[in-house]
Amino acid sequence: MSNNKLFLTKPHQLKALAICHRLCFPKTLSDKLGIAYIAKTFDWFLQGENKFLFHIENEQGKIIGYCGGFVSQGVGDGSSSGMLQHAFKEAIIGIIKKPWLVFNKEVRAAYPFIIRNIKRKIFPSTYKKIFVKYTTEEKKYAGLVVIGVHPAYRGKGIYDELMNNFFEQAKLKGAAGANLSVKKNNARGIGAYKKFGWEVFQENKDTYVLKKEFL
């Protein structure tokens, strides 16, 4: 019988969660930007009642899996831009420490956002975020933003527990369903999502948007 335990993540646990994330996704941009950047992006989930972040610890108290999501409150309420905005300072410090990252494909794609964010900080009154709140009649959907399982604990039911708890947390936040974005070349991830009832809802250039309706 497993002695693993699931917890809602607290601020003091973000560094340990970031370490787990690096093991789950080595050689990614976030891994290269460092622990401080990753921890700050996860801190975004702790800001606001519409977001949630939880993790699983083994019997020694080591984080072996985690998941984060949020329920969008309206148009313009996105996770990718929100997380990068929240961890902008840590991202810049990470790039300064590793200047060759300016040539990274993901960093180059974020150049317009980086320039806009710098201008926003210099001239805050000029840049106002466009946000249109959903009406009470519109369905709310929870976005599955991050999910990861420590490499040494894969195939042991951790992923299933994380996914099932994501659905529970989303329902507690009033979501009628959930969605996520996944790269087209991530066949393993797509297969794992489909086992939990996720279906392809939209096809983009490099990604699929998957959706799951709650009964």
C-alpha atoms as a PDB file:
ATOM      1  CA  MET A   1       0.000   0.000   0.000  1.00  0.00           C
ATOM      2  CA  SER A   2       1.367   3.422  -0.957  1.00  0.00           C
ATOM      3  CA  ASN A   3       2.254   5.906   1.773  1.00  0.00           C
ATOM      4  CA  ASN A   4       2.356   8.823  -0.639  1.00  0.00           C
ATOM      5  CA  LYS A   5       0.407  11.906   0.395  1.00  0.00           C
ATOM      6  CA  LEU A   6      -1.139  14.721  -1.623  1.00  0.00           C
ATOM      7  CA  PHE A   7      -0.870  18.351  -0.466  1.00  0.00           C
ATOM      8  CA  LEU A   8      -1.865  21.774  -1.671  1.00  0.00           C
ATOM      9  CA  THR A   9       1.481  23.475  -2.263  1.00  0.00           C
ATOM     10  CA  LYS A  10       2.625  26.215   0.130  1.00  0.00           C
ATOM     11  CA  PRO A  11       5.115  29.033  -0.627  1.00  0.00           C
ATOM     12  CA  HIS A  12       7.960  27.431   1.329  1.00  0.00           C
ATOM     13  CA  GLN A  13       7.677  24.291  -0.837  1.00  0.00           C
ATOM     14  CA  LEU A  14       8.151  26.015  -4.207  1.00  0.00           C
ATOM     15  CA  LYS A  15      11.910  25.488  -4.362  1.00  0.00           C
ATOM     16  CA  ALA A  16      11.546  21.742  -3.774  1.00  0.00           C
ATOM     17  CA  LEU A  17       8.814  21.633  -6.391  1.00  0.00           C
ATOM     18  CA  ALA A  18      11.076  23.492  -8.831  1.00  0.00           C
ATOM     19  CA  ILE A  19      13.799  20.894  -8.271  1.00  0.00           C
ATOM     20  CA  CYS A  20      11.310  18.139  -9.107  1.00  0.00           C
ATOM     21  CA  HIS A  21      10.254  20.046 -12.235  1.00  0.00           C
ATOM     22  CA  ARG A  22      13.844  20.211 -13.501  1.00  0.00           C
ATOM     23  CA  LEU A  23      14.138  16.440 -13.113  1.00  0.00           C
ATOM     24  CA  CYS A  24      10.848  15.958 -14.954  1.00  0.00           C
ATOM     25  CA  PHE A  25      11.764  18.279 -17.829  1.00  0.00           C
ATOM     26  CA  PRO A  26      15.561  18.491 -18.215  1.00  0.00           C
ATOM     27  CA  LYS A  27      17.166  20.603 -20.946  1.00  0.00           C
ATOM     28  CA  THR A  28      14.019  22.708 -21.401  1.00  0.00           C
ATOM     29  CA  LEU A  29      14.113  26.503 -21.349  1.00  0.00           C
ATOM     30  CA  SER A  30      12.753  26.666 -17.803  1.00  0.00           C
ATOM     31  CA  ASP A  31      15.453  24.236 -16.672  1.00  0.00           C
ATOM     32  CA  LYS A  32      18.111  26.455 -18.245  1.00  0.00           C
ATOM     33  CA  LEU A  33      16.696  29.617 -16.644  1.00  0.00           C
ATOM     34  CA  GLY A  34      17.135  28.043 -13.224  1.00  0.00           C
ATOM     35  CA  ILE A  35      15.466  27.208  -9.918  1.00  0.00           C
ATOM     36  CA  ALA A  36      14.560  30.796  -9.017  1.00  0.00           C
ATOM     37  CA  TYR A  37      12.701  31.292 -12.288  1.00  0.00           C
ATOM     38  CA  ILE A  38      10.802  27.996 -12.025  1.00  0.00           C
ATOM     39  CA  ALA A  39       9.853  28.618  -8.392  1.00  0.00           C
ATOM     40  CA  LYS A  40       8.543  32.075  -9.280  1.00  0.00           C
ATOM     41  CA  THR A  41       6.426  30.751 -12.144  1.00  0.00           C
ATOM     42  CA  PHE A  42       4.877  28.234  -9.757  1.00  0.00           C
ATOM     43  CA  ASP A  43       4.247  31.060  -7.289  1.00  0.00           C
ATOM     44  CA  TRP A  44       1.796  32.418  -9.881  1.00  0.00           C
ATOM     45  CA  PHE A  45      -0.580  29.585  -8.977  1.00  0.00           C
ATOM     46  CA  LEU A  46      -0.695  30.782  -5.380  1.00  0.00           C
ATOM     47  CA  GLN A  47      -1.944  34.230  -6.381  1.00  0.00           C
ATOM     48  CA  GLY A  48      -5.737  34.291  -6.617  1.00  0.00           C
ATOM     49  CA  GLU A  49      -8.689  32.096  -5.710  1.00  0.00           C
ATOM     50  CA  ASN A  50      -9.127  30.852  -9.279  1.00  0.00           C
ATOM     51  CA  LYS A  51      -5.757  29.049  -9.312  1.00  0.00           C
ATOM     52  CA  PHE A  52      -4.486  25.911  -7.625  1.00  0.00           C
ATOM     53  CA  LEU A  53      -1.242  23.982  -7.244  1.00  0.00           C
ATOM     54  CA  PHE A  54      -0.758  20.661  -5.492  1.00  0.00           C
ATOM     55  CA  HIS A  55       1.867  17.962  -5.222  1.00  0.00           C
ATOM     56  CA  ILE A  56       2.473  14.431  -3.999  1.00  0.00           C
ATOM     57  CA  GLU A  57       5.152  13.526  -1.459  1.00  0.00           C
ATOM     58  CA  ASN A  58       6.548  10.071  -0.739  1.00  0.00           C
ATOM     59  CA  GLU A  59       6.895   8.757   2.794  1.00  0.00           C
ATOM     60  CA  GLN A  60      10.239  10.563   3.151  1.00  0.00           C
ATOM     61  CA  GLY A  61       8.589  13.902   2.337  1.00  0.00           C
ATOM     62  CA  LYS A  62      10.148  14.184  -1.131  1.00  0.00           C
ATOM     63  CA  ILE A  63       8.028  15.754  -3.887  1.00  0.00           C
ATOM     64  CA  ILE A  64       7.495  13.144  -6.612  1.00  0.00           C
ATOM     65  CA  GLY A  65       4.734  14.720  -8.667  1.00  0.00           C
ATOM     66  CA  TYR A  66       2.848  17.988  -9.067  1.00  0.00           C
ATOM     67  CA  CYS A  67       0.040  19.658 -10.991  1.00  0.00           C
ATOM     68  CA  GLY A  68      -1.207  23.208 -11.425  1.00  0.00           C
ATOM     69  CA  GLY A  69      -4.259  24.751 -13.045  1.00  0.00           C
ATOM     70  CA  PHE A  70      -6.544  27.744 -13.089  1.00  0.00           C
ATOM     71  CA  VAL A  71     -10.102  28.649 -14.006  1.00  0.00           C
ATOM     72  CA  SER A  72     -10.126  31.479 -16.523  1.00  0.00           C
ATOM     73  CA  GLN A  73     -12.267  34.425 -15.449  1.00  0.00           C
ATOM     74  CA  GLY A  74     -12.538  35.995 -18.898  1.00  0.00           C
ATOM     75  CA  VAL A  75     -10.954  36.809 -22.236  1.00  0.00           C
ATOM     76  CA  GLY A  76      -7.342  37.914 -21.757  1.00  0.00           C
ATOM     77  CA  ASP A  77      -6.893  35.827 -18.619  1.00  0.00           C
ATOM     78  CA  GLY A  78      -4.109  33.508 -19.816  1.00  0.00           C
ATOM     79  CA  SER A  79      -1.632  31.304 -18.013  1.00  0.00           C
ATOM     80  CA  SER A  80       1.438  31.534 -20.281  1.00  0.00           C
ATOM     81  CA  SER A  81       1.601  35.327 -20.339  1.00  0.00           C
ATOM     82  CA  GLY A  82       0.547  35.508 -16.686  1.00  0.00           C
ATOM     83  CA  MET A  83       3.310  33.198 -15.485  1.00  0.00           C
ATOM     84  CA  LEU A  84       5.989  34.904 -17.562  1.00  0.00           C
ATOM     85  CA  GLN A  85       4.816  38.307 -16.381  1.00  0.00           C
ATOM     86  CA  HIS A  86       4.937  37.112 -12.779  1.00  0.00           C
ATOM     87  CA  ALA A  87       8.469  35.713 -13.153  1.00  0.00           C
ATOM     88  CA  PHE A  88       9.777  38.368 -15.561  1.00  0.00           C
ATOM     89  CA  LYS A  89      12.589  39.572 -13.277  1.00  0.00           C
ATOM     90  CA  GLU A  90      13.817  36.021 -12.644  1.00  0.00           C
ATOM     91  CA  ALA A  91      13.698  35.301 -16.401  1.00  0.00           C
ATOM     92  CA  ILE A  92      15.847  38.347 -17.190  1.00  0.00           C
ATOM     93  CA  ILE A  93      18.336  37.408 -14.457  1.00  0.00           C
ATOM     94  CA  GLY A  94      18.496  33.881 -15.876  1.00  0.00           C
ATOM     95  CA  ILE A  95      19.256  35.234 -19.350  1.00  0.00           C
ATOM     96  CA  ILE A  96      21.909  37.613 -17.979  1.00  0.00           C
ATOM     97  CA  LYS A  97      23.612  34.656 -16.275  1.00  0.00           C
ATOM     98  CA  LYS A  98      23.408  32.624 -19.496  1.00  0.00           C
ATOM     99  CA  PRO A  99      23.469  35.218 -22.309  1.00  0.00           C
ATOM    100  CA  TRP A 100      23.529  32.556 -25.019  1.00  0.00           C
ATOM    101  CA  LEU A 101      19.859  31.931 -24.195  1.00  0.00           C
ATOM    102  CA  VAL A 102      18.953  35.061 -26.173  1.00  0.00           C
ATOM    103  CA  PHE A 103      19.314  32.809 -29.235  1.00  0.00           C
ATOM    104  CA  ASN A 104      16.968  30.176 -27.805  1.00  0.00           C
ATOM    105  CA  LYS A 105      13.910  29.619 -30.027  1.00  0.00           C
ATOM    106  CA  GLU A 106      11.435  30.090 -27.160  1.00  0.00           C
ATOM    107  CA  VAL A 107      13.180  33.244 -25.955  1.00  0.00           C
ATOM    108  CA  ARG A 108      13.192  34.707 -29.470  1.00  0.00           C
ATOM    109  CA  ALA A 109       9.463  34.022 -29.735  1.00  0.00           C
ATOM    110  CA  ALA A 110       8.967  35.969 -26.509  1.00  0.00           C
ATOM    111  CA  TYR A 111      10.858  39.081 -27.702  1.00  0.00           C
ATOM    112  CA  PRO A 112       7.640  41.099 -28.402  1.00  0.00           C
ATOM    113  CA  PHE A 113       6.354  40.266 -24.918  1.00  0.00           C
ATOM    114  CA  ILE A 114       9.707  41.126 -23.292  1.00  0.00           C
ATOM    115  CA  ILE A 115       9.898  44.507 -25.032  1.00  0.00           C
ATOM    116  CA  ARG A 116       6.254  45.248 -24.202  1.00  0.00           C
ATOM    117  CA  ASN A 117       6.806  44.287 -20.574  1.00  0.00           C
ATOM    118  CA  ILE A 118       9.858  46.559 -20.264  1.00  0.00           C
ATOM    119  CA  LYS A 119       7.855  49.464 -21.703  1.00  0.00           C
ATOM    120  CA  ARG A 120       4.992  48.650 -19.335  1.00  0.00           C
ATOM    121  CA  LYS A 121       7.308  48.949 -16.348  1.00  0.00           C
ATOM    122  CA  ILE A 122       8.710  52.260 -17.603  1.00  0.00           C
ATOM    123  CA  PHE A 123       5.352  53.694 -18.668  1.00  0.00           C
ATOM    124  CA  PRO A 124       2.757  51.802 -16.579  1.00  0.00           C
ATOM    125  CA  SER A 125      -0.129  54.152 -17.370  1.00  0.00           C
ATOM    126  CA  THR A 126       0.293  53.588 -21.114  1.00  0.00           C
ATOM    127  CA  TYR A 127      -0.201  49.821 -21.039  1.00  0.00           C
ATOM    128  CA  LYS A 128      -3.479  48.517 -19.698  1.00  0.00           C
ATOM    129  CA  LYS A 129      -4.334  44.829 -19.796  1.00  0.00           C
ATOM    130  CA  ILE A 130      -7.343  43.999 -21.942  1.00  0.00           C
ATOM    131  CA  PHE A 131      -9.693  41.809 -19.932  1.00  0.00           C
ATOM    132  CA  VAL A 132     -13.329  40.968 -20.641  1.00  0.00           C
ATOM    133  CA  LYS A 133     -14.963  39.068 -17.807  1.00  0.00           C
ATOM    134  CA  TYR A 134     -17.194  36.131 -18.638  1.00  0.00           C
ATOM    135  CA  THR A 135     -20.901  36.521 -17.949  1.00  0.00           C
ATOM    136  CA  THR A 136     -22.547  34.353 -15.298  1.00  0.00           C
ATOM    137  CA  GLU A 137     -24.238  32.319 -18.061  1.00  0.00           C
ATOM    138  CA  GLU A 138     -20.983  31.313 -19.741  1.00  0.00           C
ATOM    139  CA  LYS A 139     -19.340  28.035 -18.789  1.00  0.00           C
ATOM    140  CA  LYS A 140     -16.012  28.254 -17.005  1.00  0.00           C
ATOM    141  CA  TYR A 141     -13.192  25.905 -17.930  1.00  0.00           C
ATOM    142  CA  ALA A 142     -10.134  24.947 -15.931  1.00  0.00           C
ATOM    143  CA  GLY A 143      -6.814  25.028 -17.736  1.00  0.00           C
ATOM    144  CA  LEU A 144      -4.383  22.225 -16.983  1.00  0.00           C
ATOM    145  CA  VAL A 145      -1.157  24.222 -17.099  1.00  0.00           C
ATOM    146  CA  VAL A 146       1.516  21.958 -15.616  1.00  0.00           C
ATOM    147  CA  ILE A 147       1.754  18.313 -14.611  1.00  0.00           C
ATOM    148  CA  GLY A 148       4.874  16.290 -13.947  1.00  0.00           C
ATOM    149  CA  VAL A 149       5.996  13.037 -12.351  1.00  0.00           C
ATOM    150  CA  HIS A 150       9.505  12.421 -11.015  1.00  0.00           C
ATOM    151  CA  PRO A 151      11.316  10.057 -13.449  1.00  0.00           C
ATOM    152  CA  ALA A 152      11.944   7.489 -10.717  1.00  0.00           C
ATOM    153  CA  TYR A 153       8.230   7.267  -9.892  1.00  0.00           C
ATOM    154  CA  ARG A 154       6.674   6.961 -13.336  1.00  0.00           C
ATOM    155  CA  GLY A 155       4.414   3.994 -13.980  1.00  0.00           C
ATOM    156  CA  LYS A 156       3.409   3.792 -10.315  1.00  0.00           C
ATOM    157  CA  GLY A 157       0.024   5.527 -10.434  1.00  0.00           C
ATOM    158  CA  ILE A 158       1.276   9.016  -9.539  1.00  0.00           C
ATOM    159  CA  TYR A 159       0.091  10.515 -12.837  1.00  0.00           C
ATOM    160  CA  ASP A 160      -3.378   9.025 -12.364  1.00  0.00           C
ATOM    161  CA  GLU A 161      -3.650  10.476  -8.875  1.00  0.00           C
ATOM    162  CA  LEU A 162      -2.548  13.908 -10.084  1.00  0.00           C
ATOM    163  CA  MET A 163      -5.013  13.922 -12.971  1.00  0.00           C
ATOM    164  CA  ASN A 164      -7.952  12.779 -10.854  1.00  0.00           C
ATOM    165  CA  ASN A 165      -7.198  15.431  -8.250  1.00  0.00           C
ATOM    166  CA  PHE A 166      -6.919  18.065 -10.983  1.00  0.00           C
ATOM    167  CA  PHE A 167     -10.482  17.245 -12.002  1.00  0.00           C
ATOM    168  CA  GLU A 168     -11.627  17.502  -8.371  1.00  0.00           C
ATOM    169  CA  GLN A 169      -9.892  20.846  -7.830  1.00  0.00           C
ATOM    170  CA  ALA A 170     -11.355  22.188 -11.083  1.00  0.00           C
ATOM    171  CA  LYS A 171     -14.867  21.197 -10.037  1.00  0.00           C
ATOM    172  CA  LEU A 172     -14.371  22.820  -6.632  1.00  0.00           C
ATOM    173  CA  LYS A 173     -13.535  26.054  -8.481  1.00  0.00           C
ATOM    174  CA  GLY A 174     -16.821  25.841 -10.382  1.00  0.00           C
ATOM    175  CA  ALA A 175     -15.469  24.624 -13.734  1.00  0.00           C
ATOM    176  CA  ALA A 176     -17.804  22.841 -16.138  1.00  0.00           C
ATOM    177  CA  GLY A 177     -14.883  21.232 -17.934  1.00  0.00           C
ATOM    178  CA  ALA A 178     -11.181  21.526 -18.616  1.00  0.00           C
ATOM    179  CA  ASN A 179      -8.792  22.237 -21.465  1.00  0.00           C
ATOM    180  CA  LEU A 180      -5.081  22.060 -22.161  1.00  0.00           C
ATOM    181  CA  SER A 181      -2.565  22.649 -24.921  1.00  0.00           C
ATOM    182  CA  VAL A 182      -0.118  19.950 -25.984  1.00  0.00           C
ATOM    183  CA  LYS A 183       2.518  19.824 -28.709  1.00  0.00           C
ATOM    184  CA  LYS A 184       1.589  17.671 -31.695  1.00  0.00           C
ATOM    185  CA  ASN A 185       4.815  15.678 -31.463  1.00  0.00           C
ATOM    186  CA  ASN A 186       4.096  14.664 -27.862  1.00  0.00           C
ATOM    187  CA  ALA A 187       2.426  11.376 -28.776  1.00  0.00           C
ATOM    188  CA  ARG A 188       3.032   9.890 -25.331  1.00  0.00           C
ATOM    189  CA  GLY A 189       1.385  12.818 -23.574  1.00  0.00           C
ATOM    190  CA  ILE A 190      -1.579  12.882 -25.961  1.00  0.00           C
ATOM    191  CA  GLY A 191      -2.145   9.175 -25.415  1.00  0.00           C
ATOM    192  CA  ALA A 192      -2.053   9.603 -21.640  1.00  0.00           C
ATOM    193  CA  TYR A 193      -4.564  12.465 -21.769  1.00  0.00           C
ATOM    194  CA  LYS A 194      -6.979  10.533 -23.986  1.00  0.00           C
ATOM    195  CA  LYS A 195      -7.059   7.710 -21.429  1.00  0.00           C
ATOM    196  CA  PHE A 196      -8.680  10.210 -19.065  1.00  0.00           C
ATOM    197  CA  GLY A 197     -11.323  11.292 -21.553  1.00  0.00           C
ATOM    198  CA  TRP A 198      -9.611  14.308 -23.081  1.00  0.00           C
ATOM    199  CA  GLU A 199     -10.524  14.887 -26.731  1.00  0.00           C
ATOM    200  CA  VAL A 200      -8.917  17.013 -29.442  1.00  0.00           C
ATOM    201  CA  PHE A 201     -10.969  20.190 -29.684  1.00  0.00           C
ATOM    202  CA  GLN A 202      -8.777  22.438 -31.820  1.00  0.00           C
ATOM    203  CA  GLU A 203      -5.728  22.023 -34.040  1.00  0.00           C
ATOM    204  CA  ASN A 204      -3.099  24.754 -34.318  1.00  0.00           C
ATOM    205  CA  LYS A 205       0.176  24.873 -36.223  1.00  0.00           C
ATOM    206  CA  ASP A 206       2.292  23.055 -33.638  1.00  0.00           C
ATOM    207  CA  THR A 207      -0.210  22.155 -30.932  1.00  0.00           C
ATOM    208  CA  TYR A 208      -3.547  20.536 -30.191  1.00  0.00           C
ATOM    209  CA  VAL A 209      -6.077  21.955 -27.746  1.00  0.00           C
ATOM    210  CA  LEU A 210      -7.695  19.145 -25.797  1.00  0.00           C
ATOM    211  CA  LYS A 211     -10.941  19.488 -23.894  1.00  0.00           C
ATOM    212  CA  LYS A 212     -12.839  17.424 -21.347  1.00  0.00           C
ATOM    213  CA  GLU A 213     -16.413  18.095 -20.257  1.00  0.00           C
ATOM    214  CA  PHE A 214     -17.423  17.223 -16.699  1.00  0.00           C
ATOM    215  CA  LEU A 215     -20.655  15.286 -16.288  1.00  0.00           C
END
